[in-house]
Amino acid sequence: MNVGDQPDDGYVVEKIGVVLARCGSYGFSASGNVKMAPKAPEPPPAAPEPNNGPYWFTVKYGQGEKRFFNCDCWAVVLLDYMKERCGYGDLAEPVELKRKDGSTVGLLSMGKALASEAIKPKEVCTLCKVVQSDDPNVPPIYEPLYTPAEGEEVEAAPPPPPAGKKK
């Protein structure tokens, strides 16, 4: 860069060697060319905004019952708390949640991860009992612990994909 040139980053260099700059520093070499001081490293990008909620979601259980829960906690703690608060504390099998589309939420496998990573705010889920097979090759069965109230419309789960086709 020569004296009198204007760098494209907003710095202005005047003739006679006087340097005006918004930040940083300049120096001149013996040949009269401007030497720019190394730029300061860019600050790291701002941390993403924390999810400030809402953290509540609805669990259907029992005979047409519904209860709100807060998913801003460890998944393992939430599962135990839901099991107790919904009246299944004496149930030997673990519990899990299923979505309206029939998929499982997956809290059992999350351990100490935040449940809010798997549950969408204001989501409605059904509490299910997880029945493990003696055969490790057979996936567990999720039995709903919810019976719709009389007159309540039941949303049908989407049909399973045709056999033999993979997504």
N, C-alpha and C. Protein backbone atom coordinates (compact mmCIF):
# COMPACT_ATOMS: atom_id res chain seq x y z
N MET A 1 0.86 -1.16 0.00
CA MET A 1 0.00 0.00 0.00
C MET A 1 0.91 1.22 0.00
N ASN A 2 0.60 2.19 -0.80
CA ASN A 2 1.38 3.41 -0.89
C ASN A 2 0.70 4.53 -0.14
N VAL A 3 1.51 5.52 0.22
CA VAL A 3 0.96 6.68 0.91
C VAL A 3 -0.08 7.31 0.00
N GLY A 4 -1.21 7.66 0.56
CA GLY A 4 -2.27 8.27 -0.24
C GLY A 4 -3.34 7.28 -0.65
N ASP A 5 -3.01 6.00 -0.64
CA ASP A 5 -4.01 4.99 -0.96
C ASP A 5 -4.97 4.84 0.21
N GLN A 6 -6.16 4.41 -0.08
CA GLN A 6 -7.14 4.21 0.98
C GLN A 6 -7.44 2.72 1.07
N PRO A 7 -7.07 2.09 2.19
CA PRO A 7 -7.38 0.67 2.33
C PRO A 7 -8.90 0.46 2.33
N ASP A 8 -9.30 -0.69 1.91
CA ASP A 8 -10.73 -0.98 1.82
C ASP A 8 -11.37 -1.35 3.15
N ASP A 9 -10.60 -1.37 4.24
CA ASP A 9 -11.20 -1.71 5.53
C ASP A 9 -11.54 -0.47 6.35
N GLY A 10 -11.61 0.70 5.73
CA GLY A 10 -12.07 1.88 6.41
C GLY A 10 -10.96 2.76 6.97
N TYR A 11 -9.70 2.41 6.84
CA TYR A 11 -8.61 3.23 7.35
C TYR A 11 -8.25 4.29 6.30
N VAL A 12 -7.82 5.46 6.76
CA VAL A 12 -7.45 6.53 5.85
C VAL A 12 -5.98 6.87 6.09
N VAL A 13 -5.20 6.93 5.03
CA VAL A 13 -3.79 7.29 5.14
C VAL A 13 -3.60 8.60 4.36
N GLU A 14 -3.09 9.61 5.01
CA GLU A 14 -2.87 10.89 4.34
C GLU A 14 -1.45 10.94 3.80
N LYS A 15 -1.23 11.89 2.88
CA LYS A 15 0.12 12.12 2.37
C LYS A 15 0.98 12.65 3.50
N ILE A 16 2.13 12.89 3.43
CA ILE A 16 3.10 13.38 4.39
C ILE A 16 3.33 12.38 5.53
N GLY A 17 2.71 11.28 5.58
CA GLY A 17 2.99 10.28 6.59
C GLY A 17 2.16 10.37 7.84
N VAL A 18 1.15 11.23 7.89
CA VAL A 18 0.28 11.31 9.05
C VAL A 18 -0.80 10.24 8.84
N VAL A 19 -1.00 9.46 9.84
CA VAL A 19 -1.94 8.36 9.70
C VAL A 19 -3.16 8.62 10.58
N LEU A 20 -4.30 8.56 9.99
CA LEU A 20 -5.54 8.64 10.73
C LEU A 20 -6.19 7.28 10.63
N ALA A 21 -6.56 6.75 11.73
CA ALA A 21 -7.16 5.41 11.70
C ALA A 21 -8.22 5.32 12.78
N ARG A 22 -9.20 4.50 12.54
CA ARG A 22 -10.24 4.28 13.53
C ARG A 22 -9.73 3.40 14.66
N CYS A 23 -8.92 2.45 14.36
CA CYS A 23 -8.29 1.61 15.37
C CYS A 23 -7.08 0.95 14.75
N GLY A 24 -6.21 0.43 15.57
CA GLY A 24 -4.99 -0.19 15.05
C GLY A 24 -3.90 0.86 14.94
N SER A 25 -2.74 0.48 14.42
CA SER A 25 -1.65 1.43 14.28
C SER A 25 -0.93 1.14 12.98
N TYR A 26 -0.30 2.17 12.46
CA TYR A 26 0.42 2.07 11.20
C TYR A 26 1.86 2.49 11.43
N GLY A 27 2.72 2.10 10.56
CA GLY A 27 4.10 2.55 10.57
C GLY A 27 4.54 2.68 9.13
N PHE A 28 5.68 3.32 8.91
CA PHE A 28 6.18 3.48 7.55
C PHE A 28 7.51 2.79 7.41
N SER A 29 7.71 2.19 6.26
CA SER A 29 9.00 1.57 5.99
C SER A 29 9.92 2.62 5.38
N ALA A 30 11.16 2.27 5.18
CA ALA A 30 12.12 3.20 4.61
C ALA A 30 11.71 3.61 3.19
N SER A 31 10.98 2.77 2.49
CA SER A 31 10.58 3.09 1.13
C SER A 31 9.36 4.00 1.09
N GLY A 32 8.77 4.29 2.24
CA GLY A 32 7.60 5.16 2.26
C GLY A 32 6.29 4.40 2.20
N ASN A 33 6.37 3.10 2.07
CA ASN A 33 5.14 2.31 2.05
C ASN A 33 4.58 2.16 3.46
N VAL A 34 3.31 2.09 3.55
CA VAL A 34 2.65 1.96 4.84
C VAL A 34 2.71 0.52 5.29
N LYS A 35 3.06 0.33 6.55
CA LYS A 35 3.01 -1.00 7.15
C LYS A 35 1.84 -1.01 8.12
N MET A 36 0.96 -1.92 7.94
CA MET A 36 -0.18 -2.01 8.83
C MET A 36 0.14 -2.98 9.95
N ALA A 37 -0.21 -2.59 11.15
CA ALA A 37 -0.03 -3.49 12.29
C ALA A 37 -1.00 -4.65 12.12
N PRO A 38 -0.64 -5.81 12.64
CA PRO A 38 -1.54 -6.94 12.49
C PRO A 38 -2.88 -6.65 13.17
N LYS A 39 -3.92 -7.09 12.53
CA LYS A 39 -5.25 -6.88 13.09
C LYS A 39 -5.44 -7.74 14.32
N ALA A 40 -6.17 -7.19 15.24
CA ALA A 40 -6.52 -7.97 16.44
C ALA A 40 -7.45 -9.09 16.01
N PRO A 41 -7.34 -10.22 16.67
CA PRO A 41 -8.24 -11.32 16.30
C PRO A 41 -9.69 -10.93 16.53
N GLU A 42 -10.54 -11.43 15.66
CA GLU A 42 -11.97 -11.14 15.78
C GLU A 42 -12.50 -11.78 17.06
N PRO A 43 -13.41 -11.10 17.74
CA PRO A 43 -13.98 -11.71 18.94
C PRO A 43 -14.80 -12.95 18.56
N PRO A 44 -14.88 -13.89 19.46
CA PRO A 44 -15.66 -15.09 19.13
C PRO A 44 -17.12 -14.71 18.92
N PRO A 45 -17.83 -15.50 18.12
CA PRO A 45 -19.23 -15.18 17.90
C PRO A 45 -19.99 -15.22 19.22
N ALA A 46 -21.00 -14.42 19.29
CA ALA A 46 -21.80 -14.36 20.51
C ALA A 46 -22.44 -15.72 20.78
N ALA A 47 -22.52 -16.05 22.05
CA ALA A 47 -23.14 -17.32 22.43
C ALA A 47 -24.61 -17.28 22.02
N PRO A 48 -25.14 -18.42 21.60
CA PRO A 48 -26.55 -18.43 21.22
C PRO A 48 -27.42 -18.06 22.42
N GLU A 49 -28.50 -17.43 22.11
CA GLU A 49 -29.43 -17.04 23.18
C GLU A 49 -29.92 -18.28 23.89
N PRO A 50 -29.94 -18.26 25.22
CA PRO A 50 -30.45 -19.43 25.93
C PRO A 50 -31.95 -19.57 25.67
N ASN A 51 -32.39 -20.80 25.67
CA ASN A 51 -33.81 -21.06 25.49
C ASN A 51 -34.52 -20.67 26.78
N ASN A 52 -35.26 -19.60 26.72
CA ASN A 52 -35.92 -19.09 27.91
C ASN A 52 -37.34 -19.62 28.06
N GLY A 53 -37.62 -20.72 27.42
CA GLY A 53 -38.91 -21.37 27.63
C GLY A 53 -39.90 -21.02 26.55
N PRO A 54 -41.09 -21.44 26.68
CA PRO A 54 -41.61 -22.18 27.83
C PRO A 54 -41.07 -23.60 27.86
N TYR A 55 -40.97 -24.14 29.04
CA TYR A 55 -40.43 -25.49 29.20
C TYR A 55 -41.50 -26.52 29.51
N TRP A 56 -42.73 -26.11 29.62
CA TRP A 56 -43.76 -27.06 30.01
C TRP A 56 -44.28 -27.84 28.80
N PHE A 57 -44.73 -29.01 29.08
CA PHE A 57 -45.37 -29.86 28.07
C PHE A 57 -46.44 -30.67 28.79
N THR A 58 -47.29 -31.34 28.04
CA THR A 58 -48.42 -32.07 28.61
C THR A 58 -48.21 -33.57 28.47
N VAL A 59 -48.52 -34.30 29.54
CA VAL A 59 -48.46 -35.76 29.52
C VAL A 59 -49.86 -36.30 29.75
N LYS A 60 -50.28 -37.19 28.85
CA LYS A 60 -51.56 -37.89 29.01
C LYS A 60 -51.28 -39.21 29.72
N TYR A 61 -52.12 -39.56 30.67
CA TYR A 61 -51.93 -40.80 31.42
C TYR A 61 -53.26 -41.19 32.05
N GLY A 62 -53.32 -42.40 32.57
CA GLY A 62 -54.49 -42.86 33.31
C GLY A 62 -55.77 -42.86 32.48
N GLN A 63 -56.88 -42.59 33.14
CA GLN A 63 -58.20 -42.60 32.51
C GLN A 63 -58.55 -41.18 32.06
N GLY A 64 -58.01 -40.76 30.92
CA GLY A 64 -58.29 -39.44 30.37
C GLY A 64 -57.66 -38.29 31.13
N GLU A 65 -56.61 -38.55 31.90
CA GLU A 65 -55.97 -37.50 32.70
C GLU A 65 -54.81 -36.86 31.93
N LYS A 66 -54.56 -35.60 32.27
CA LYS A 66 -53.45 -34.85 31.67
C LYS A 66 -52.77 -34.06 32.77
N ARG A 67 -51.46 -33.88 32.62
CA ARG A 67 -50.70 -33.13 33.62
C ARG A 67 -49.58 -32.39 32.91
N PHE A 68 -49.29 -31.17 33.39
CA PHE A 68 -48.18 -30.39 32.87
C PHE A 68 -46.90 -30.78 33.60
N PHE A 69 -45.80 -30.80 32.84
CA PHE A 69 -44.48 -31.04 33.42
C PHE A 69 -43.50 -30.05 32.83
N ASN A 70 -42.43 -29.82 33.56
CA ASN A 70 -41.36 -28.92 33.13
C ASN A 70 -40.21 -29.79 32.60
N CYS A 71 -39.80 -29.56 31.37
CA CYS A 71 -38.74 -30.39 30.78
C CYS A 71 -37.35 -29.77 30.93
N ASP A 72 -37.22 -28.72 31.72
CA ASP A 72 -35.92 -28.08 31.93
C ASP A 72 -35.18 -28.77 33.09
N CYS A 73 -34.90 -30.06 32.91
CA CYS A 73 -34.20 -30.85 33.92
C CYS A 73 -33.61 -32.08 33.24
N TRP A 74 -32.85 -32.85 34.00
CA TRP A 74 -32.28 -34.07 33.44
C TRP A 74 -33.40 -35.03 33.04
N ALA A 75 -33.18 -35.75 31.97
CA ALA A 75 -34.18 -36.70 31.47
C ALA A 75 -34.49 -37.79 32.50
N VAL A 76 -33.46 -38.31 33.16
CA VAL A 76 -33.66 -39.38 34.14
C VAL A 76 -34.51 -38.90 35.32
N VAL A 77 -34.31 -37.66 35.74
CA VAL A 77 -35.08 -37.09 36.84
C VAL A 77 -36.53 -36.89 36.40
N LEU A 78 -36.72 -36.39 35.21
CA LEU A 78 -38.07 -36.17 34.69
C LEU A 78 -38.85 -37.48 34.60
N LEU A 79 -38.23 -38.53 34.10
CA LEU A 79 -38.91 -39.83 33.99
C LEU A 79 -39.36 -40.33 35.37
N ASP A 80 -38.48 -40.26 36.34
CA ASP A 80 -38.84 -40.70 37.70
C ASP A 80 -39.95 -39.85 38.28
N TYR A 81 -39.86 -38.54 38.07
CA TYR A 81 -40.87 -37.63 38.61
C TYR A 81 -42.24 -37.87 37.95
N MET A 82 -42.25 -38.04 36.64
CA MET A 82 -43.53 -38.30 35.94
C MET A 82 -44.14 -39.60 36.42
N LYS A 83 -43.31 -40.62 36.57
CA LYS A 83 -43.80 -41.92 37.01
C LYS A 83 -44.47 -41.79 38.39
N GLU A 84 -43.84 -41.06 39.28
CA GLU A 84 -44.36 -40.87 40.63
C GLU A 84 -45.63 -40.01 40.64
N ARG A 85 -45.58 -38.86 39.97
CA ARG A 85 -46.70 -37.91 39.98
C ARG A 85 -47.94 -38.45 39.26
N CYS A 86 -47.74 -39.33 38.30
CA CYS A 86 -48.88 -39.88 37.56
C CYS A 86 -49.44 -41.14 38.23
N GLY A 87 -48.87 -41.55 39.36
CA GLY A 87 -49.40 -42.68 40.12
C GLY A 87 -48.86 -44.04 39.73
N TYR A 88 -47.72 -44.05 39.06
CA TYR A 88 -47.12 -45.32 38.65
C TYR A 88 -45.79 -45.57 39.36
N GLY A 89 -45.61 -45.02 40.53
CA GLY A 89 -44.37 -45.16 41.28
C GLY A 89 -44.05 -46.61 41.64
N ASP A 90 -45.08 -47.44 41.77
CA ASP A 90 -44.86 -48.84 42.12
C ASP A 90 -44.68 -49.74 40.90
N LEU A 91 -44.73 -49.16 39.71
CA LEU A 91 -44.56 -49.92 38.47
C LEU A 91 -43.10 -50.36 38.34
N ALA A 92 -42.88 -51.66 38.12
CA ALA A 92 -41.51 -52.19 38.04
C ALA A 92 -40.82 -51.78 36.73
N GLU A 93 -41.55 -51.69 35.65
CA GLU A 93 -40.97 -51.35 34.35
C GLU A 93 -40.69 -49.86 34.25
N PRO A 94 -39.72 -49.50 33.43
CA PRO A 94 -39.47 -48.07 33.21
C PRO A 94 -40.58 -47.46 32.35
N VAL A 95 -40.65 -46.14 32.34
CA VAL A 95 -41.63 -45.44 31.52
C VAL A 95 -40.90 -44.60 30.47
N GLU A 96 -41.63 -44.27 29.44
CA GLU A 96 -41.12 -43.45 28.34
C GLU A 96 -42.30 -42.67 27.78
N LEU A 97 -42.02 -41.68 26.97
CA LEU A 97 -43.07 -40.88 26.34
C LEU A 97 -43.16 -41.18 24.86
N LYS A 98 -44.39 -41.15 24.34
CA LYS A 98 -44.61 -41.28 22.90
C LYS A 98 -45.29 -40.02 22.42
N ARG A 99 -44.91 -39.62 21.22
CA ARG A 99 -45.51 -38.45 20.58
C ARG A 99 -46.80 -38.84 19.87
N LYS A 100 -47.51 -37.84 19.40
CA LYS A 100 -48.76 -38.08 18.67
C LYS A 100 -48.54 -38.91 17.42
N ASP A 101 -47.36 -38.76 16.81
CA ASP A 101 -47.08 -39.50 15.57
C ASP A 101 -46.65 -40.95 15.83
N GLY A 102 -46.58 -41.35 17.10
CA GLY A 102 -46.23 -42.72 17.45
C GLY A 102 -44.76 -42.93 17.74
N SER A 103 -43.92 -41.94 17.51
CA SER A 103 -42.49 -42.08 17.78
C SER A 103 -42.23 -41.88 19.27
N THR A 104 -41.17 -42.50 19.75
CA THR A 104 -40.81 -42.32 21.16
C THR A 104 -39.93 -41.08 21.30
N VAL A 105 -39.99 -40.45 22.46
CA VAL A 105 -39.20 -39.25 22.72
C VAL A 105 -37.74 -39.63 22.95
N GLY A 106 -37.49 -40.74 23.62
CA GLY A 106 -36.12 -41.21 23.83
C GLY A 106 -35.48 -40.73 25.12
N LEU A 107 -36.27 -40.38 26.11
CA LEU A 107 -35.71 -39.91 27.38
C LEU A 107 -34.91 -40.98 28.10
N LEU A 108 -35.31 -42.24 27.96
CA LEU A 108 -34.60 -43.33 28.65
C LEU A 108 -33.13 -43.37 28.29
N SER A 109 -32.81 -43.08 27.06
CA SER A 109 -31.41 -43.17 26.62
C SER A 109 -30.64 -41.87 26.86
N MET A 110 -31.29 -40.82 27.34
CA MET A 110 -30.63 -39.52 27.50
C MET A 110 -29.90 -39.36 28.82
N GLY A 111 -30.28 -40.08 29.84
CA GLY A 111 -29.59 -39.98 31.13
C GLY A 111 -29.65 -38.59 31.72
N LYS A 112 -28.47 -37.97 31.90
CA LYS A 112 -28.38 -36.66 32.54
C LYS A 112 -28.40 -35.50 31.55
N ALA A 113 -28.77 -35.76 30.31
CA ALA A 113 -28.94 -34.68 29.34
C ALA A 113 -30.25 -33.97 29.63
N LEU A 114 -30.34 -32.71 29.21
CA LEU A 114 -31.57 -31.96 29.44
C LEU A 114 -32.71 -32.54 28.61
N ALA A 115 -33.82 -32.77 29.27
CA ALA A 115 -35.00 -33.30 28.58
C ALA A 115 -35.52 -32.31 27.54
N SER A 116 -35.26 -31.02 27.75
CA SER A 116 -35.72 -30.00 26.81
C SER A 116 -35.06 -30.14 25.44
N GLU A 117 -33.98 -30.93 25.33
CA GLU A 117 -33.35 -31.19 24.04
C GLU A 117 -34.19 -32.15 23.20
N ALA A 118 -35.07 -32.91 23.84
CA ALA A 118 -35.87 -33.91 23.11
C ALA A 118 -37.35 -33.57 23.06
N ILE A 119 -37.82 -32.77 24.01
CA ILE A 119 -39.24 -32.46 24.08
C ILE A 119 -39.46 -31.03 23.61
N LYS A 120 -40.39 -30.88 22.69
CA LYS A 120 -40.71 -29.55 22.18
C LYS A 120 -41.60 -28.82 23.17
N PRO A 121 -41.44 -27.50 23.29
CA PRO A 121 -42.32 -26.75 24.18
C PRO A 121 -43.78 -26.94 23.79
N LYS A 122 -44.61 -27.10 24.78
CA LYS A 122 -46.06 -27.25 24.64
C LYS A 122 -46.47 -28.54 23.93
N GLU A 123 -45.55 -29.47 23.78
CA GLU A 123 -45.85 -30.75 23.13
C GLU A 123 -46.78 -31.58 24.02
N VAL A 124 -47.58 -32.42 23.40
CA VAL A 124 -48.45 -33.33 24.13
C VAL A 124 -47.96 -34.76 23.88
N CYS A 125 -47.64 -35.48 24.95
CA CYS A 125 -47.11 -36.84 24.85
C CYS A 125 -47.96 -37.79 25.70
N THR A 126 -47.82 -39.07 25.41
CA THR A 126 -48.51 -40.10 26.17
C THR A 126 -47.50 -40.90 26.97
N LEU A 127 -47.79 -41.12 28.25
CA LEU A 127 -46.92 -41.92 29.11
C LEU A 127 -47.09 -43.39 28.75
N CYS A 128 -45.98 -44.09 28.59
CA CYS A 128 -46.01 -45.51 28.21
C CYS A 128 -45.11 -46.32 29.14
N LYS A 129 -45.51 -47.57 29.31
CA LYS A 129 -44.69 -48.53 30.06
C LYS A 129 -43.81 -49.23 29.03
N VAL A 130 -42.53 -49.40 29.37
CA VAL A 130 -41.58 -50.05 28.46
C VAL A 130 -41.44 -51.51 28.87
N VAL A 131 -41.88 -52.40 27.99
CA VAL A 131 -41.82 -53.84 28.26
C VAL A 131 -40.67 -54.42 27.43
N GLN A 132 -39.63 -54.84 28.13
CA GLN A 132 -38.46 -55.43 27.47
C GLN A 132 -38.71 -56.91 27.21
N SER A 133 -38.26 -57.39 26.09
CA SER A 133 -38.34 -58.80 25.75
C SER A 133 -37.14 -59.54 26.34
N ASP A 134 -37.28 -60.82 26.57
CA ASP A 134 -36.14 -61.63 27.03
C ASP A 134 -35.10 -61.75 25.93
N ASP A 135 -35.54 -61.65 24.70
CA ASP A 135 -34.64 -61.73 23.55
C ASP A 135 -34.06 -60.34 23.27
N PRO A 136 -32.74 -60.17 23.37
CA PRO A 136 -32.15 -58.85 23.15
C PRO A 136 -32.30 -58.33 21.72
N ASN A 137 -32.63 -59.22 20.78
CA ASN A 137 -32.80 -58.81 19.38
C ASN A 137 -34.19 -58.24 19.11
N VAL A 138 -35.09 -58.40 20.06
CA VAL A 138 -36.46 -57.90 19.89
C VAL A 138 -36.56 -56.52 20.55
N PRO A 139 -37.04 -55.52 19.81
CA PRO A 139 -37.14 -54.19 20.41
C PRO A 139 -38.21 -54.16 21.50
N PRO A 140 -38.10 -53.22 22.43
CA PRO A 140 -39.09 -53.14 23.51
C PRO A 140 -40.46 -52.74 22.97
N ILE A 141 -41.47 -53.07 23.74
CA ILE A 141 -42.85 -52.71 23.40
C ILE A 141 -43.25 -51.57 24.33
N TYR A 142 -43.87 -50.55 23.77
CA TYR A 142 -44.32 -49.39 24.54
C TYR A 142 -45.83 -49.47 24.70
N GLU A 143 -46.27 -49.84 25.90
CA GLU A 143 -47.70 -49.96 26.19
C GLU A 143 -48.19 -48.65 26.79
N PRO A 144 -49.16 -48.01 26.14
CA PRO A 144 -49.66 -46.74 26.68
C PRO A 144 -50.29 -46.91 28.06
N LEU A 145 -50.01 -45.98 28.93
CA LEU A 145 -50.62 -45.94 30.26
C LEU A 145 -51.72 -44.87 30.26
N TYR A 146 -52.40 -44.76 29.13
CA TYR A 146 -53.44 -43.75 28.94
C TYR A 146 -54.62 -44.37 28.23
N THR A 147 -55.79 -44.13 28.77
CA THR A 147 -57.03 -44.52 28.13
C THR A 147 -57.82 -43.24 27.91
N PRO A 148 -58.20 -42.94 26.66
CA PRO A 148 -58.93 -41.70 26.40
C PRO A 148 -60.23 -41.64 27.19
N ALA A 149 -60.59 -40.46 27.61
CA ALA A 149 -61.85 -40.26 28.32
C ALA A 149 -63.00 -40.52 27.35
N GLU A 150 -64.15 -40.84 27.91
CA GLU A 150 -65.31 -41.12 27.08
C GLU A 150 -65.66 -39.87 26.28
N GLY A 151 -65.83 -40.05 24.99
CA GLY A 151 -66.15 -38.93 24.10
C GLY A 151 -64.94 -38.21 23.54
N GLU A 152 -63.74 -38.53 24.01
CA GLU A 152 -62.54 -37.87 23.51
C GLU A 152 -62.16 -38.49 22.18
N GLU A 153 -61.84 -37.62 21.23
CA GLU A 153 -61.41 -38.11 19.92
C GLU A 153 -60.00 -38.65 20.04
N VAL A 154 -59.78 -39.80 19.47
CA VAL A 154 -58.45 -40.42 19.51
C VAL A 154 -57.80 -40.17 18.16
N GLU A 155 -56.61 -39.57 18.21
CA GLU A 155 -55.87 -39.34 16.97
C GLU A 155 -55.18 -40.63 16.57
N ALA A 156 -55.45 -41.06 15.38
CA ALA A 156 -54.83 -42.30 14.90
C ALA A 156 -53.37 -42.02 14.54
N ALA A 157 -52.52 -42.96 14.89
CA ALA A 157 -51.11 -42.86 14.53
C ALA A 157 -51.00 -43.07 13.03
N PRO A 158 -50.02 -42.46 12.38
CA PRO A 158 -49.86 -42.68 10.94
C PRO A 158 -49.55 -44.14 10.67
N PRO A 159 -49.98 -44.64 9.51
CA PRO A 159 -49.72 -46.03 9.20
C PRO A 159 -48.22 -46.28 9.07
N PRO A 160 -47.76 -47.48 9.43
CA PRO A 160 -46.34 -47.80 9.29
C PRO A 160 -45.96 -47.83 7.81
N PRO A 161 -44.69 -47.58 7.50
CA PRO A 161 -44.25 -47.63 6.10
C PRO A 161 -44.40 -49.05 5.56
N PRO A 162 -44.61 -49.18 4.26
CA PRO A 162 -44.73 -50.51 3.67
C PRO A 162 -43.49 -51.36 3.95
N ALA A 163 -43.72 -52.63 4.17
CA ALA A 163 -42.60 -53.55 4.46
C ALA A 163 -41.66 -53.61 3.28
N GLY A 164 -40.38 -53.71 3.57
CA GLY A 164 -39.37 -53.88 2.53
C GLY A 164 -38.80 -52.57 2.03
N LYS A 165 -39.44 -51.44 2.32
CA LYS A 165 -38.93 -50.15 1.88
C LYS A 165 -38.23 -49.48 3.03
N LYS A 166 -37.05 -48.94 2.75
CA LYS A 166 -36.30 -48.22 3.76
C LYS A 166 -36.23 -46.77 3.36
N LYS A 167 -36.22 -45.90 4.36
CA LYS A 167 -36.13 -44.46 4.09
C LYS A 167 -34.71 -44.05 3.94
